[in-house]
PDB file of all heavy atoms in Angstrom:
ATOM      1  N   LEU A   1      10.694 -12.656  -8.514  1.00  0.00           N
ATOM      2  CA  LEU A   1       9.362 -12.615  -7.932  1.00  0.00           C
ATOM      3  C   LEU A   1       8.301 -12.537  -9.022  1.00  0.00           C
ATOM      4  O   LEU A   1       8.349 -11.673  -9.895  1.00  0.00           O
ATOM      5  CB  LEU A   1       9.229 -11.398  -7.001  1.00  0.00           C
ATOM      6  CG  LEU A   1       7.868 -11.171  -6.346  1.00  0.00           C
ATOM      7  CD1 LEU A   1       7.561 -12.296  -5.360  1.00  0.00           C
ATOM      8  CD2 LEU A   1       7.835  -9.821  -5.638  1.00  0.00           C
ATOM      9  N   VAL A   2       7.378 -13.461  -9.002  1.00  0.00           N
ATOM     10  CA  VAL A   2       6.285 -13.447  -9.960  1.00  0.00           C
ATOM     11  C   VAL A   2       5.369 -12.273  -9.629  1.00  0.00           C
ATOM     12  O   VAL A   2       4.964 -12.100  -8.474  1.00  0.00           O
ATOM     13  CB  VAL A   2       5.485 -14.767  -9.892  1.00  0.00           C
ATOM     14  CG1 VAL A   2       4.288 -14.711 -10.839  1.00  0.00           C
ATOM     15  CG2 VAL A   2       6.387 -15.936 -10.222  1.00  0.00           C
ATOM     16  N   PRO A   3       5.067 -11.424 -10.607  1.00  0.00           N
ATOM     17  CA  PRO A   3       4.211 -10.268 -10.323  1.00  0.00           C
ATOM     18  C   PRO A   3       2.898 -10.691  -9.671  1.00  0.00           C
ATOM     19  O   PRO A   3       2.247 -11.642 -10.096  1.00  0.00           O
ATOM     20  CB  PRO A   3       3.979  -9.651 -11.709  1.00  0.00           C
ATOM     21  CG  PRO A   3       5.154 -10.091 -12.512  1.00  0.00           C
ATOM     22  CD  PRO A   3       5.498 -11.450 -12.015  1.00  0.00           C
ATOM     23  N   GLY A   4       2.549 -10.023  -8.644  1.00  0.00           N
ATOM     24  CA  GLY A   4       1.318 -10.301  -7.924  1.00  0.00           C
ATOM     25  C   GLY A   4       1.052  -9.147  -6.978  1.00  0.00           C
ATOM     26  O   GLY A   4       1.839  -8.208  -6.883  1.00  0.00           O
ATOM     27  N   GLN A   5      -0.040  -9.219  -6.288  1.00  0.00           N
ATOM     28  CA  GLN A   5      -0.387  -8.127  -5.389  1.00  0.00           C
ATOM     29  C   GLN A   5       0.351  -8.257  -4.063  1.00  0.00           C
ATOM     30  O   GLN A   5       0.320  -9.305  -3.415  1.00  0.00           O
ATOM     31  CB  GLN A   5      -1.892  -8.103  -5.136  1.00  0.00           C
ATOM     32  CG  GLN A   5      -2.696  -7.612  -6.331  1.00  0.00           C
ATOM     33  CD  GLN A   5      -4.148  -7.377  -5.976  1.00  0.00           C
ATOM     34  OE1 GLN A   5      -4.703  -8.085  -5.154  1.00  0.00           O
ATOM     35  NE2 GLN A   5      -4.754  -6.374  -6.585  1.00  0.00           N
ATOM     36  N   ILE A   6       1.016  -7.180  -3.688  1.00  0.00           N
ATOM     37  CA  ILE A   6       1.645  -7.091  -2.377  1.00  0.00           C
ATOM     38  C   ILE A   6       0.634  -6.448  -1.435  1.00  0.00           C
ATOM     39  O   ILE A   6       0.168  -5.330  -1.674  1.00  0.00           O
ATOM     40  CB  ILE A   6       2.949  -6.279  -2.437  1.00  0.00           C
ATOM     41  CG1 ILE A   6       3.996  -7.047  -3.259  1.00  0.00           C
ATOM     42  CG2 ILE A   6       3.475  -5.972  -1.036  1.00  0.00           C
ATOM     43  CD1 ILE A   6       5.306  -6.318  -3.456  1.00  0.00           C
ATOM     44  N   ARG A   7       0.273  -7.158  -0.388  1.00  0.00           N
ATOM     45  CA  ARG A   7      -0.761  -6.690   0.534  1.00  0.00           C
ATOM     46  C   ARG A   7      -0.148  -5.761   1.577  1.00  0.00           C
ATOM     47  O   ARG A   7       0.809  -6.116   2.271  1.00  0.00           O
ATOM     48  CB  ARG A   7      -1.449  -7.872   1.218  1.00  0.00           C
ATOM     49  CG  ARG A   7      -2.206  -8.763   0.248  1.00  0.00           C
ATOM     50  CD  ARG A   7      -2.816  -9.960   0.953  1.00  0.00           C
ATOM     51  NE  ARG A   7      -3.939  -9.575   1.798  1.00  0.00           N
ATOM     52  CZ  ARG A   7      -5.199  -9.499   1.384  1.00  0.00           C
ATOM     53  NH1 ARG A   7      -5.492  -9.745   0.101  1.00  0.00           N
ATOM     54  NH2 ARG A   7      -6.170  -9.189   2.200  1.00  0.00           N
ATOM     55  N   ILE A   8      -0.738  -4.574   1.674  1.00  0.00           N
ATOM     56  CA  ILE A   8      -0.303  -3.571   2.644  1.00  0.00           C
ATOM     57  C   ILE A   8      -1.430  -3.400   3.652  1.00  0.00           C
ATOM     58  O   ILE A   8      -2.538  -2.978   3.300  1.00  0.00           O
ATOM     59  CB  ILE A   8       0.017  -2.230   1.955  1.00  0.00           C
ATOM     60  CG1 ILE A   8       1.080  -2.430   0.869  1.00  0.00           C
ATOM     61  CG2 ILE A   8       0.479  -1.187   2.981  1.00  0.00           C
ATOM     62  CD1 ILE A   8       1.260  -1.215  -0.030  1.00  0.00           C
ATOM     63  N   LEU A   9      -1.169  -3.728   4.890  1.00  0.00           N
ATOM     64  CA  LEU A   9      -2.181  -3.709   5.937  1.00  0.00           C
ATOM     65  C   LEU A   9      -2.100  -2.408   6.730  1.00  0.00           C
ATOM     66  O   LEU A   9      -1.012  -1.995   7.146  1.00  0.00           O
ATOM     67  CB  LEU A   9      -1.976  -4.902   6.875  1.00  0.00           C
ATOM     68  CG  LEU A   9      -2.892  -5.005   8.091  1.00  0.00           C
ATOM     69  CD1 LEU A   9      -4.333  -5.283   7.663  1.00  0.00           C
ATOM     70  CD2 LEU A   9      -2.389  -6.099   9.036  1.00  0.00           C
ATOM     71  N   THR A  10      -3.243  -1.766   6.943  1.00  0.00           N
ATOM     72  CA  THR A  10      -3.294  -0.563   7.762  1.00  0.00           C
ATOM     73  C   THR A  10      -4.524  -0.629   8.671  1.00  0.00           C
ATOM     74  O   THR A  10      -5.447  -1.398   8.443  1.00  0.00           O
ATOM     75  CB  THR A  10      -3.380   0.733   6.927  1.00  0.00           C
ATOM     76  OG1 THR A  10      -4.731   0.965   6.515  1.00  0.00           O
ATOM     77  CG2 THR A  10      -2.478   0.694   5.714  1.00  0.00           C
ATOM     78  N   SER A  11      -4.516   0.225   9.687  1.00  0.00           N
ATOM     79  CA  SER A  11      -5.725   0.451  10.462  1.00  0.00           C
ATOM     80  C   SER A  11      -6.602   1.427   9.683  1.00  0.00           C
ATOM     81  O   SER A  11      -6.260   1.847   8.575  1.00  0.00           O
ATOM     82  CB  SER A  11      -5.375   1.017  11.836  1.00  0.00           C
ATOM     83  OG  SER A  11      -4.910   2.357  11.708  1.00  0.00           O
ATOM     84  N   MET A  12      -7.709   1.843  10.288  1.00  0.00           N
ATOM     85  CA  MET A  12      -8.590   2.820   9.642  1.00  0.00           C
ATOM     86  C   MET A  12      -8.119   4.255   9.866  1.00  0.00           C
ATOM     87  O   MET A  12      -8.743   5.186   9.358  1.00  0.00           O
ATOM     88  CB  MET A  12     -10.013   2.658  10.178  1.00  0.00           C
ATOM     89  CG  MET A  12     -10.630   1.290   9.915  1.00  0.00           C
ATOM     90  SD  MET A  12     -10.753   0.882   8.166  1.00  0.00           S
ATOM     91  CE  MET A  12     -11.981   2.082   7.637  1.00  0.00           C
ATOM     92  N   ASP A  13      -7.058   4.440  10.626  1.00  0.00           N
ATOM     93  CA  ASP A  13      -6.533   5.784  10.850  1.00  0.00           C
ATOM     94  C   ASP A  13      -6.205   6.424   9.505  1.00  0.00           C
ATOM     95  O   ASP A  13      -5.482   5.832   8.699  1.00  0.00           O
ATOM     96  CB  ASP A  13      -5.277   5.714  11.720  1.00  0.00           C
ATOM     97  CG  ASP A  13      -4.750   7.080  12.132  1.00  0.00           C
ATOM     98  OD1 ASP A  13      -4.441   7.891  11.229  1.00  0.00           O
ATOM     99  OD2 ASP A  13      -4.637   7.345  13.340  1.00  0.00           O
ATOM    100  N   PRO A  14      -6.734   7.622   9.224  1.00  0.00           N
ATOM    101  CA  PRO A  14      -6.507   8.237   7.908  1.00  0.00           C
ATOM    102  C   PRO A  14      -5.031   8.384   7.557  1.00  0.00           C
ATOM    103  O   PRO A  14      -4.660   8.202   6.386  1.00  0.00           O
ATOM    104  CB  PRO A  14      -7.189   9.608   8.041  1.00  0.00           C
ATOM    105  CG  PRO A  14      -8.248   9.405   9.077  1.00  0.00           C
ATOM    106  CD  PRO A  14      -7.668   8.426  10.052  1.00  0.00           C
ATOM    107  N   LYS A  15      -4.194   8.699   8.520  1.00  0.00           N
ATOM    108  CA  LYS A  15      -2.764   8.852   8.233  1.00  0.00           C
ATOM    109  C   LYS A  15      -2.161   7.535   7.788  1.00  0.00           C
ATOM    110  O   LYS A  15      -1.352   7.481   6.855  1.00  0.00           O
ATOM    111  CB  LYS A  15      -2.043   9.384   9.472  1.00  0.00           C
ATOM    112  CG  LYS A  15      -2.534  10.735   9.953  1.00  0.00           C
ATOM    113  CD  LYS A  15      -1.811  11.197  11.195  1.00  0.00           C
ATOM    114  CE  LYS A  15      -2.045  10.287  12.383  1.00  0.00           C
ATOM    115  NZ  LYS A  15      -3.451  10.220  12.819  1.00  0.00           N
ATOM    116  N   HIS A  16      -2.518   6.469   8.475  1.00  0.00           N
ATOM    117  CA  HIS A  16      -1.995   5.152   8.121  1.00  0.00           C
ATOM    118  C   HIS A  16      -2.449   4.748   6.719  1.00  0.00           C
ATOM    119  O   HIS A  16      -1.668   4.203   5.930  1.00  0.00           O
ATOM    120  CB  HIS A  16      -2.479   4.117   9.140  1.00  0.00           C
ATOM    121  CG  HIS A  16      -1.960   4.334  10.523  1.00  0.00           C
ATOM    122  ND1 HIS A  16      -2.032   3.372  11.504  1.00  0.00           N
ATOM    123  CD2 HIS A  16      -1.361   5.399  11.108  1.00  0.00           C
ATOM    124  CE1 HIS A  16      -1.506   3.825  12.622  1.00  0.00           C
ATOM    125  NE2 HIS A  16      -1.104   5.064  12.406  1.00  0.00           N
ATOM    126  N   LYS A  17      -3.712   5.006   6.414  1.00  0.00           N
ATOM    127  CA  LYS A  17      -4.231   4.659   5.092  1.00  0.00           C
ATOM    128  C   LYS A  17      -3.532   5.460   3.995  1.00  0.00           C
ATOM    129  O   LYS A  17      -3.203   4.922   2.923  1.00  0.00           O
ATOM    130  CB  LYS A  17      -5.735   4.892   5.055  1.00  0.00           C
ATOM    131  CG  LYS A  17      -6.516   3.934   5.958  1.00  0.00           C
ATOM    132  CD  LYS A  17      -7.928   4.398   6.231  1.00  0.00           C
ATOM    133  CE  LYS A  17      -8.805   4.369   5.010  1.00  0.00           C
ATOM    134  NZ  LYS A  17     -10.208   4.738   5.337  1.00  0.00           N
ATOM    135  N   GLU A  18      -3.296   6.741   4.240  1.00  0.00           N
ATOM    136  CA  GLU A  18      -2.606   7.576   3.252  1.00  0.00           C
ATOM    137  C   GLU A  18      -1.194   7.084   3.007  1.00  0.00           C
ATOM    138  O   GLU A  18      -0.727   7.027   1.851  1.00  0.00           O
ATOM    139  CB  GLU A  18      -2.600   9.027   3.731  1.00  0.00           C
ATOM    140  CG  GLU A  18      -3.964   9.692   3.680  1.00  0.00           C
ATOM    141  CD  GLU A  18      -4.027  10.981   4.475  1.00  0.00           C
ATOM    142  OE1 GLU A  18      -3.147  11.205   5.339  1.00  0.00           O
ATOM    143  OE2 GLU A  18      -4.967  11.762   4.256  1.00  0.00           O
ATOM    144  N   LEU A  19      -0.496   6.713   4.075  1.00  0.00           N
ATOM    145  CA  LEU A  19       0.860   6.194   3.915  1.00  0.00           C
ATOM    146  C   LEU A  19       0.839   4.867   3.161  1.00  0.00           C
ATOM    147  O   LEU A  19       1.682   4.614   2.294  1.00  0.00           O
ATOM    148  CB  LEU A  19       1.519   6.022   5.285  1.00  0.00           C
ATOM    149  CG  LEU A  19       1.846   7.324   6.028  1.00  0.00           C
ATOM    150  CD1 LEU A  19       2.175   7.051   7.486  1.00  0.00           C
ATOM    151  CD2 LEU A  19       3.010   8.058   5.358  1.00  0.00           C
ATOM    152  N   GLY A  20      -0.136   4.015   3.469  1.00  0.00           N
ATOM    153  CA  GLY A  20      -0.257   2.754   2.750  1.00  0.00           C
ATOM    154  C   GLY A  20      -0.523   2.956   1.269  1.00  0.00           C
ATOM    155  O   GLY A  20       0.060   2.274   0.419  1.00  0.00           O
ATOM    156  N   GLU A  21      -1.385   3.911   0.949  1.00  0.00           N
ATOM    157  CA  GLU A  21      -1.688   4.193  -0.457  1.00  0.00           C
ATOM    158  C   GLU A  21      -0.483   4.782  -1.186  1.00  0.00           C
ATOM    159  O   GLU A  21      -0.269   4.515  -2.369  1.00  0.00           O
ATOM    160  CB  GLU A  21      -2.880   5.134  -0.558  1.00  0.00           C
ATOM    161  CG  GLU A  21      -4.212   4.511  -0.200  1.00  0.00           C
ATOM    162  CD  GLU A  21      -4.663   3.459  -1.201  1.00  0.00           C
ATOM    163  OE1 GLU A  21      -4.026   3.325  -2.274  1.00  0.00           O
ATOM    164  OE2 GLU A  21      -5.650   2.763  -0.916  1.00  0.00           O
ATOM    165  N   ALA A  22       0.299   5.589  -0.499  1.00  0.00           N
ATOM    166  CA  ALA A  22       1.498   6.152  -1.132  1.00  0.00           C
ATOM    167  C   ALA A  22       2.472   5.042  -1.509  1.00  0.00           C
ATOM    168  O   ALA A  22       3.065   5.057  -2.598  1.00  0.00           O
ATOM    169  CB  ALA A  22       2.160   7.154  -0.192  1.00  0.00           C
ATOM    170  N   LEU A  23       2.647   4.064  -0.623  1.00  0.00           N
ATOM    171  CA  LEU A  23       3.520   2.941  -0.941  1.00  0.00           C
ATOM    172  C   LEU A  23       2.933   2.105  -2.073  1.00  0.00           C
ATOM    173  O   LEU A  23       3.655   1.679  -2.981  1.00  0.00           O
ATOM    174  CB  LEU A  23       3.738   2.079   0.305  1.00  0.00           C
ATOM    175  CG  LEU A  23       4.611   0.837   0.106  1.00  0.00           C
ATOM    176  CD1 LEU A  23       5.994   1.214  -0.412  1.00  0.00           C
ATOM    177  CD2 LEU A  23       4.725   0.049   1.417  1.00  0.00           C
ATOM    178  N   ALA A  24       1.620   1.876  -2.027  1.00  0.00           N
ATOM    179  CA  ALA A  24       0.977   1.096  -3.091  1.00  0.00           C
ATOM    180  C   ALA A  24       1.152   1.768  -4.444  1.00  0.00           C
ATOM    181  O   ALA A  24       1.410   1.099  -5.454  1.00  0.00           O
ATOM    182  CB  ALA A  24      -0.508   0.920  -2.779  1.00  0.00           C
ATOM    183  N   GLY A  25       1.031   3.091  -4.478  1.00  0.00           N
ATOM    184  CA  GLY A  25       1.229   3.804  -5.741  1.00  0.00           C
ATOM    185  C   GLY A  25       2.627   3.617  -6.289  1.00  0.00           C
ATOM    186  O   GLY A  25       2.826   3.433  -7.499  1.00  0.00           O
ATOM    187  N   GLY A  26       3.624   3.652  -5.405  1.00  0.00           N
ATOM    188  CA  GLY A  26       5.001   3.430  -5.846  1.00  0.00           C
ATOM    189  C   GLY A  26       5.235   2.019  -6.346  1.00  0.00           C
ATOM    190  O   GLY A  26       5.983   1.806  -7.313  1.00  0.00           O
ATOM    191  N   LEU A  27       4.602   1.051  -5.715  1.00  0.00           N
ATOM    192  CA  LEU A  27       4.727  -0.332  -6.180  1.00  0.00           C
ATOM    193  C   LEU A  27       4.101  -0.497  -7.557  1.00  0.00           C
ATOM    194  O   LEU A  27       4.653  -1.201  -8.422  1.00  0.00           O
ATOM    195  CB  LEU A  27       4.052  -1.275  -5.180  1.00  0.00           C
ATOM    196  CG  LEU A  27       4.837  -1.549  -3.893  1.00  0.00           C
ATOM    197  CD1 LEU A  27       3.935  -2.131  -2.813  1.00  0.00           C
ATOM    198  CD2 LEU A  27       6.004  -2.503  -4.171  1.00  0.00           C
ATOM    199  N   ARG A  28       2.987   0.168  -7.789  1.00  0.00           N
ATOM    200  CA  ARG A  28       2.360   0.099  -9.115  1.00  0.00           C
ATOM    201  C   ARG A  28       3.226   0.776 -10.166  1.00  0.00           C
ATOM    202  O   ARG A  28       3.301   0.315 -11.309  1.00  0.00           O
ATOM    203  CB  ARG A  28       0.967   0.716  -9.055  1.00  0.00           C
ATOM    204  CG  ARG A  28      -0.002  -0.059  -8.159  1.00  0.00           C
ATOM    205  CD  ARG A  28      -1.376   0.572  -8.098  1.00  0.00           C
ATOM    206  NE  ARG A  28      -2.153  -0.019  -6.999  1.00  0.00           N
ATOM    207  CZ  ARG A  28      -2.642   0.648  -5.975  1.00  0.00           C
ATOM    208  NH1 ARG A  28      -2.469   1.967  -5.898  1.00  0.00           N
ATOM    209  NH2 ARG A  28      -3.319   0.038  -5.023  1.00  0.00           N
ATOM    210  N   ASP A  29       3.894   1.866  -9.768  1.00  0.00           N
ATOM    211  CA  ASP A  29       4.833   2.519 -10.692  1.00  0.00           C
ATOM    212  C   ASP A  29       5.937   1.553 -11.114  1.00  0.00           C
ATOM    213  O   ASP A  29       6.457   1.638 -12.233  1.00  0.00           O
ATOM    214  CB  ASP A  29       5.464   3.750 -10.038  1.00  0.00           C
ATOM    215  CG  ASP A  29       4.472   4.893  -9.850  1.00  0.00           C
ATOM    216  OD1 ASP A  29       3.406   4.867 -10.498  1.00  0.00           O
ATOM    217  OD2 ASP A  29       4.769   5.801  -9.050  1.00  0.00           O
TER     218      ASP A  29
END
């Protein structure tokens, strides 16, 4: 896989956004 941005879609619900950001942080790691 060529490095690129993996898009994580969430609603505006704060819980959903927090979970999305946690996954995004792991992908960046």
